[in-house]
């Protein structure tokens, strides 16, 4: 599964893959594989990314177009 929204959110904030990888505690190559859909994200990674970008996991996965996080 490809995750284009995590790339878009990262680029919207002018962040590098390395910045997000450091936040997640993974190598830059691992994060790159997340964006390209060559590696599935664990629930923990999805949760951390959603919190970092202040959005929902559903938005990251493309299940909704609403960027707002759930209350």
PDB file of N, CA and C in Angstrom:
ATOM      1  N   UNK A   1       0.851  -1.180   0.000  1.00  0.00           N
ATOM      2  CA  UNK A   1       0.000   0.000   0.000  1.00  0.00           C
ATOM      3  C   UNK A   1       0.893   1.239   0.000  1.00  0.00           C
ATOM      4  N   UNK A   2       0.593   2.153  -0.879  1.00  0.00           N
ATOM      5  CA  UNK A   2       1.328   3.413  -0.965  1.00  0.00           C
ATOM      6  C   UNK A   2       0.709   4.429   0.006  1.00  0.00           C
ATOM      7  N   UNK A   3       1.540   5.271   0.572  1.00  0.00           N
ATOM      8  CA  UNK A   3       1.080   6.268   1.544  1.00  0.00           C
ATOM      9  C   UNK A   3       1.430   7.676   1.061  1.00  0.00           C
ATOM     10  N   UNK A   4       0.775   8.157   0.026  1.00  0.00           N
ATOM     11  CA  UNK A   4       1.145   9.478  -0.507  1.00  0.00           C
ATOM     12  C   UNK A   4       0.878  10.622   0.468  1.00  0.00           C
ATOM     13  N   UNK A   5      -0.057  10.431   1.364  1.00  0.00           N
ATOM     14  CA  UNK A   5      -0.376  11.547   2.268  1.00  0.00           C
ATOM     15  C   UNK A   5       0.739  11.818   3.264  1.00  0.00           C
ATOM     16  N   UNK A   6       1.470  10.797   3.658  1.00  0.00           N
ATOM     17  CA  UNK A   6       2.555  11.097   4.601  1.00  0.00           C
ATOM     18  C   UNK A   6       3.644  11.897   3.910  1.00  0.00           C
ATOM     19  N   UNK A   7       3.830  11.655   2.637  1.00  0.00           N
ATOM     20  CA  UNK A   7       4.811  12.458   1.890  1.00  0.00           C
ATOM     21  C   UNK A   7       4.301  13.894   1.744  1.00  0.00           C
ATOM     22  N   UNK A   8       3.044  14.049   1.371  1.00  0.00           N
ATOM     23  CA  UNK A   8       2.472  15.385   1.200  1.00  0.00           C
ATOM     24  C   UNK A   8       2.521  16.188   2.496  1.00  0.00           C
ATOM     25  N   UNK A   9       2.172  15.555   3.603  1.00  0.00           N
ATOM     26  CA  UNK A   9       2.208  16.257   4.892  1.00  0.00           C
ATOM     27  C   UNK A   9       3.635  16.667   5.241  1.00  0.00           C
ATOM     28  N   UNK A  10       4.581  15.795   4.983  1.00  0.00           N
ATOM     29  CA  UNK A  10       5.987  16.108   5.253  1.00  0.00           C
ATOM     30  C   UNK A  10       6.451  17.282   4.396  1.00  0.00           C
ATOM     31  N   UNK A  11       6.144  17.231   3.119  1.00  0.00           N
ATOM     32  CA  UNK A  11       6.577  18.299   2.213  1.00  0.00           C
ATOM     33  C   UNK A  11       5.881  19.620   2.512  1.00  0.00           C
ATOM     34  N   UNK A  12       4.621  19.570   2.949  1.00  0.00           N
ATOM     35  CA  UNK A  12       3.901  20.795   3.309  1.00  0.00           C
ATOM     36  C   UNK A  12       4.605  21.546   4.442  1.00  0.00           C
ATOM     37  N   UNK A  13       5.304  20.800   5.277  1.00  0.00           N
ATOM     38  CA  UNK A  13       6.006  21.407   6.414  1.00  0.00           C
ATOM     39  C   UNK A  13       7.494  21.603   6.131  1.00  0.00           C
ATOM     40  N   UNK A  14       7.883  21.408   4.873  1.00  0.00           N
ATOM     41  CA  UNK A  14       9.287  21.565   4.464  1.00  0.00           C
ATOM     42  C   UNK A  14      10.241  20.727   5.316  1.00  0.00           C
ATOM     43  N   UNK A  15       9.837  19.483   5.587  1.00  0.00           N
ATOM     44  CA  UNK A  15      10.673  18.562   6.348  1.00  0.00           C
ATOM     45  C   UNK A  15      11.320  17.549   5.417  1.00  0.00           C
ATOM     46  N   UNK A  16      12.458  17.064   5.819  1.00  0.00           N
ATOM     47  CA  UNK A  16      13.133  16.015   5.065  1.00  0.00           C
ATOM     48  C   UNK A  16      12.702  14.652   5.604  1.00  0.00           C
ATOM     49  N   UNK A  17      12.901  13.636   4.808  1.00  0.00           N
ATOM     50  CA  UNK A  17      12.608  12.283   5.274  1.00  0.00           C
ATOM     51  C   UNK A  17      13.406  11.982   6.541  1.00  0.00           C
ATOM     52  N   UNK A  18      14.625  12.454   6.590  1.00  0.00           N
ATOM     53  CA  UNK A  18      15.478  12.217   7.747  1.00  0.00           C
ATOM     54  C   UNK A  18      14.891  12.821   9.017  1.00  0.00           C
ATOM     55  N   UNK A  19      14.248  13.979   8.910  1.00  0.00           N
ATOM     56  CA  UNK A  19      13.619  14.606  10.070  1.00  0.00           C
ATOM     57  C   UNK A  19      12.541  13.702  10.665  1.00  0.00           C
ATOM     58  N   UNK A  20      11.690  13.171   9.806  1.00  0.00           N
ATOM     59  CA  UNK A  20      10.609  12.300  10.280  1.00  0.00           C
ATOM     60  C   UNK A  20      11.182  10.979  10.768  1.00  0.00           C
ATOM     61  N   UNK A  21      12.158  10.450  10.063  1.00  0.00           N
ATOM     62  CA  UNK A  21      12.782   9.190  10.476  1.00  0.00           C
ATOM     63  C   UNK A  21      13.385   9.318  11.871  1.00  0.00           C
ATOM     64  N   UNK A  22      14.064  10.421  12.136  1.00  0.00           N
ATOM     65  CA  UNK A  22      14.630  10.639  13.472  1.00  0.00           C
ATOM     66  C   UNK A  22      13.548  10.701  14.529  1.00  0.00           C
ATOM     67  N   UNK A  23      12.447  11.361  14.230  1.00  0.00           N
ATOM     68  CA  UNK A  23      11.327  11.442  15.165  1.00  0.00           C
ATOM     69  C   UNK A  23      10.775  10.042  15.471  1.00  0.00           C
ATOM     70  N   UNK A  24      10.689   9.221  14.428  1.00  0.00           N
ATOM     71  CA  UNK A  24      10.139   7.873  14.596  1.00  0.00           C
ATOM     72  C   UNK A  24      11.157   6.887  15.165  1.00  0.00           C
ATOM     73  N   UNK A  25      12.426   7.247  15.124  1.00  0.00           N
ATOM     74  CA  UNK A  25      13.462   6.345  15.600  1.00  0.00           C
ATOM     75  C   UNK A  25      13.791   5.232  14.612  1.00  0.00           C
ATOM     76  N   UNK A  26      13.664   5.555  13.311  1.00  0.00           N
ATOM     77  CA  UNK A  26      13.997   4.595  12.257  1.00  0.00           C
ATOM     78  C   UNK A  26      15.009   5.244  11.319  1.00  0.00           C
ATOM     79  N   UNK A  27      15.599   4.434  10.464  1.00  0.00           N
ATOM     80  CA  UNK A  27      16.531   4.966   9.471  1.00  0.00           C
ATOM     81  C   UNK A  27      15.754   5.688   8.370  1.00  0.00           C
ATOM     82  N   UNK A  28      16.437   6.606   7.700  1.00  0.00           N
ATOM     83  CA  UNK A  28      15.808   7.352   6.610  1.00  0.00           C
ATOM     84  C   UNK A  28      15.325   6.404   5.517  1.00  0.00           C
ATOM     85  N   UNK A  29      16.079   5.354   5.245  1.00  0.00           N
ATOM     86  CA  UNK A  29      15.684   4.405   4.198  1.00  0.00           C
ATOM     87  C   UNK A  29      14.393   3.678   4.567  1.00  0.00           C
ATOM     88  N   UNK A  30      14.211   3.393   5.842  1.00  0.00           N
ATOM     89  CA  UNK A  30      12.971   2.746   6.287  1.00  0.00           C
ATOM     90  C   UNK A  30      11.787   3.687   6.083  1.00  0.00           C
ATOM     91  N   UNK A  31      11.982   4.967   6.442  1.00  0.00           N
ATOM     92  CA  UNK A  31      10.896   5.934   6.246  1.00  0.00           C
ATOM     93  C   UNK A  31      10.572   6.103   4.771  1.00  0.00           C
ATOM     94  N   UNK A  32      11.596   6.148   3.938  1.00  0.00           N
ATOM     95  CA  UNK A  32      11.390   6.251   2.492  1.00  0.00           C
ATOM     96  C   UNK A  32      10.537   5.093   1.990  1.00  0.00           C
ATOM     97  N   UNK A  33      10.798   3.913   2.503  1.00  0.00           N
ATOM     98  CA  UNK A  33      10.018   2.739   2.097  1.00  0.00           C
ATOM     99  C   UNK A  33       8.558   2.859   2.548  1.00  0.00           C
ATOM    100  N   UNK A  34       8.311   3.518   3.684  1.00  0.00           N
ATOM    101  CA  UNK A  34       6.924   3.775   4.101  1.00  0.00           C
ATOM    102  C   UNK A  34       6.221   4.630   3.054  1.00  0.00           C
ATOM    103  N   UNK A  35       6.859   5.721   2.662  1.00  0.00           N
ATOM    104  CA  UNK A  35       6.250   6.627   1.689  1.00  0.00           C
ATOM    105  C   UNK A  35       5.984   5.942   0.352  1.00  0.00           C
ATOM    106  N   UNK A  36       6.884   5.088  -0.058  1.00  0.00           N
ATOM    107  CA  UNK A  36       6.754   4.408  -1.348  1.00  0.00           C
ATOM    108  C   UNK A  36       5.865   3.176  -1.297  1.00  0.00           C
ATOM    109  N   UNK A  37       5.456   2.785  -0.094  1.00  0.00           N
ATOM    110  CA  UNK A  37       4.613   1.603   0.041  1.00  0.00           C
ATOM    111  C   UNK A  37       5.376   0.302  -0.064  1.00  0.00           C
ATOM    112  N   UNK A  38       6.677   0.360   0.114  1.00  0.00           N
ATOM    113  CA  UNK A  38       7.492  -0.853   0.048  1.00  0.00           C
ATOM    114  C   UNK A  38       7.649  -1.505   1.411  1.00  0.00           C
ATOM    115  N   UNK A  39       7.142  -0.828   2.432  1.00  0.00           N
ATOM    116  CA  UNK A  39       7.192  -1.343   3.798  1.00  0.00           C
ATOM    117  C   UNK A  39       5.925  -0.897   4.495  1.00  0.00           C
ATOM    118  N   UNK A  40       5.246  -1.842   5.133  1.00  0.00           N
ATOM    119  CA  UNK A  40       4.026  -1.503   5.867  1.00  0.00           C
ATOM    120  C   UNK A  40       4.378  -0.861   7.202  1.00  0.00           C
ATOM    121  N   UNK A  41       3.565   0.102   7.584  1.00  0.00           N
ATOM    122  CA  UNK A  41       3.768   0.765   8.862  1.00  0.00           C
ATOM    123  C   UNK A  41       3.078  -0.019   9.966  1.00  0.00           C
ATOM    124  N   UNK A  42       3.746  -0.090  11.099  1.00  0.00           N
ATOM    125  CA  UNK A  42       3.149  -0.733  12.268  1.00  0.00           C
ATOM    126  C   UNK A  42       2.107   0.220  12.853  1.00  0.00           C
ATOM    127  N   UNK A  43       1.204  -0.290  13.665  1.00  0.00           N
ATOM    128  CA  UNK A  43       0.236   0.611  14.318  1.00  0.00           C
ATOM    129  C   UNK A  43       0.927   1.709  15.121  1.00  0.00           C
ATOM    130  N   UNK A  44       2.045   1.385  15.758  1.00  0.00           N
ATOM    131  CA  UNK A  44       2.760   2.379  16.550  1.00  0.00           C
ATOM    132  C   UNK A  44       3.280   3.523  15.680  1.00  0.00           C
ATOM    133  N   UNK A  45       3.805   3.185  14.509  1.00  0.00           N
ATOM    134  CA  UNK A  45       4.301   4.210  13.587  1.00  0.00           C
ATOM    135  C   UNK A  45       3.147   5.077  13.097  1.00  0.00           C
ATOM    136  N   UNK A  46       2.038   4.446  12.752  1.00  0.00           N
ATOM    137  CA  UNK A  46       0.863   5.214  12.308  1.00  0.00           C
ATOM    138  C   UNK A  46       0.388   6.180  13.388  1.00  0.00           C
ATOM    139  N   UNK A  47       0.352   5.716  14.618  1.00  0.00           N
ATOM    140  CA  UNK A  47      -0.086   6.566  15.732  1.00  0.00           C
ATOM    141  C   UNK A  47       0.860   7.748  15.899  1.00  0.00           C
ATOM    142  N   UNK A  48       2.164   7.491  15.877  1.00  0.00           N
ATOM    143  CA  UNK A  48       3.144   8.569  16.049  1.00  0.00           C
ATOM    144  C   UNK A  48       3.073   9.580  14.911  1.00  0.00           C
ATOM    145  N   UNK A  49       2.896   9.091  13.672  1.00  0.00           N
ATOM    146  CA  UNK A  49       2.787  10.012  12.534  1.00  0.00           C
ATOM    147  C   UNK A  49       1.516  10.848  12.631  1.00  0.00           C
ATOM    148  N   UNK A  50       0.412  10.234  13.005  1.00  0.00           N
ATOM    149  CA  UNK A  50      -0.845  10.972  13.139  1.00  0.00           C
ATOM    150  C   UNK A  50      -0.711  12.067  14.193  1.00  0.00           C
ATOM    151  N   UNK A  51      -0.081  11.740  15.315  1.00  0.00           N
ATOM    152  CA  UNK A  51       0.118  12.745  16.360  1.00  0.00           C
ATOM    153  C   UNK A  51       1.062  13.850  15.884  1.00  0.00           C
ATOM    154  N   UNK A  52       2.133  13.469  15.203  1.00  0.00           N
ATOM    155  CA  UNK A  52       3.110  14.441  14.717  1.00  0.00           C
ATOM    156  C   UNK A  52       2.466  15.439  13.761  1.00  0.00           C
ATOM    157  N   UNK A  53       1.628  14.933  12.867  1.00  0.00           N
ATOM    158  CA  UNK A  53       0.995  15.789  11.860  1.00  0.00           C
ATOM    159  C   UNK A  53      -0.363  16.322  12.317  1.00  0.00           C
ATOM    160  N   UNK A  54      -0.759  15.997  13.547  1.00  0.00           N
ATOM    161  CA  UNK A  54      -2.034  16.453  14.107  1.00  0.00           C
ATOM    162  C   UNK A  54      -3.198  16.104  13.179  1.00  0.00           C
ATOM    163  N   UNK A  55      -3.278  14.830  12.832  1.00  0.00           N
ATOM    164  CA  UNK A  55      -4.337  14.336  11.968  1.00  0.00           C
ATOM    165  C   UNK A  55      -4.751  12.953  12.459  1.00  0.00           C
ATOM    166  N   UNK A  56      -5.609  12.300  11.722  1.00  0.00           N
ATOM    167  CA  UNK A  56      -6.048  10.959  12.119  1.00  0.00           C
ATOM    168  C   UNK A  56      -5.341   9.896  11.286  1.00  0.00           C
ATOM    169  N   UNK A  57      -5.312   8.705  11.809  1.00  0.00           N
ATOM    170  CA  UNK A  57      -4.767   7.572  11.067  1.00  0.00           C
ATOM    171  C   UNK A  57      -5.606   7.336   9.816  1.00  0.00           C
ATOM    172  N   UNK A  58      -6.903   7.513   9.925  1.00  0.00           N
ATOM    173  CA  UNK A  58      -7.769   7.347   8.752  1.00  0.00           C
ATOM    174  C   UNK A  58      -7.361   8.283   7.623  1.00  0.00           C
ATOM    175  N   UNK A  59      -6.969   9.515   7.958  1.00  0.00           N
ATOM    176  CA  UNK A  59      -6.522  10.445   6.923  1.00  0.00           C
ATOM    177  C   UNK A  59      -5.217   9.948   6.304  1.00  0.00           C
ATOM    178  N   UNK A  60      -4.291   9.509   7.133  1.00  0.00           N
ATOM    179  CA  UNK A  60      -3.012   9.008   6.617  1.00  0.00           C
ATOM    180  C   UNK A  60      -3.214   7.841   5.655  1.00  0.00           C
ATOM    181  N   UNK A  61      -4.179   6.991   5.961  1.00  0.00           N
ATOM    182  CA  UNK A  61      -4.432   5.805   5.148  1.00  0.00           C
ATOM    183  C   UNK A  61      -5.339   6.074   3.956  1.00  0.00           C
ATOM    184  N   UNK A  62      -5.893   7.280   3.867  1.00  0.00           N
ATOM    185  CA  UNK A  62      -6.752   7.622   2.739  1.00  0.00           C
ATOM    186  C   UNK A  62      -8.197   7.192   2.906  1.00  0.00           C
ATOM    187  N   UNK A  63      -8.601   6.886   4.144  1.00  0.00           N
ATOM    188  CA  UNK A  63      -9.981   6.466   4.405  1.00  0.00           C
ATOM    189  C   UNK A  63     -10.933   7.649   4.518  1.00  0.00           C
ATOM    190  N   UNK A  64     -10.382   8.836   4.730  1.00  0.00           N
ATOM    191  CA  UNK A  64     -11.178  10.051   4.825  1.00  0.00           C
ATOM    192  C   UNK A  64     -10.369  11.207   4.243  1.00  0.00           C
ATOM    193  N   UNK A  65     -11.072  12.248   3.820  1.00  0.00           N
ATOM    194  CA  UNK A  65     -10.400  13.442   3.331  1.00  0.00           C
ATOM    195  C   UNK A  65     -10.357  14.533   4.399  1.00  0.00           C
ATOM    196  N   UNK A  66     -10.897  14.229   5.577  1.00  0.00           N
ATOM    197  CA  UNK A  66     -10.919  15.170   6.684  1.00  0.00           C
ATOM    198  C   UNK A  66      -9.594  15.091   7.431  1.00  0.00           C
ATOM    199  N   UNK A  67      -8.811  16.166   7.406  1.00  0.00           N
ATOM    200  CA  UNK A  67      -7.506  16.183   8.067  1.00  0.00           C
ATOM    201  C   UNK A  67      -7.597  16.296   9.582  1.00  0.00           C
ATOM    202  N   UNK A  68      -8.744  16.736  10.074  1.00  0.00           N
ATOM    203  CA  UNK A  68      -8.881  16.969  11.509  1.00  0.00           C
ATOM    204  C   UNK A  68      -8.767  15.667  12.293  1.00  0.00           C
ATOM    205  N   UNK A  69      -8.013  15.683  13.409  1.00  0.00           N
ATOM    206  CA  UNK A  69      -7.912  14.472  14.229  1.00  0.00           C
ATOM    207  C   UNK A  69      -9.231  14.218  14.959  1.00  0.00           C
ATOM    208  N   UNK A  70      -9.442  12.966  15.329  1.00  0.00           N
ATOM    209  CA  UNK A  70     -10.630  12.625  16.107  1.00  0.00           C
ATOM    210  C   UNK A  70     -10.456  13.123  17.524  1.00  0.00           C
ATOM    211  N   UNK A  71     -11.556  13.465  18.146  1.00  0.00           N
ATOM    212  CA  UNK A  71     -11.520  13.968  19.520  1.00  0.00           C
ATOM    213  C   UNK A  71     -11.434  12.803  20.490  1.00  0.00           C
TER     214      UNK A  71
END
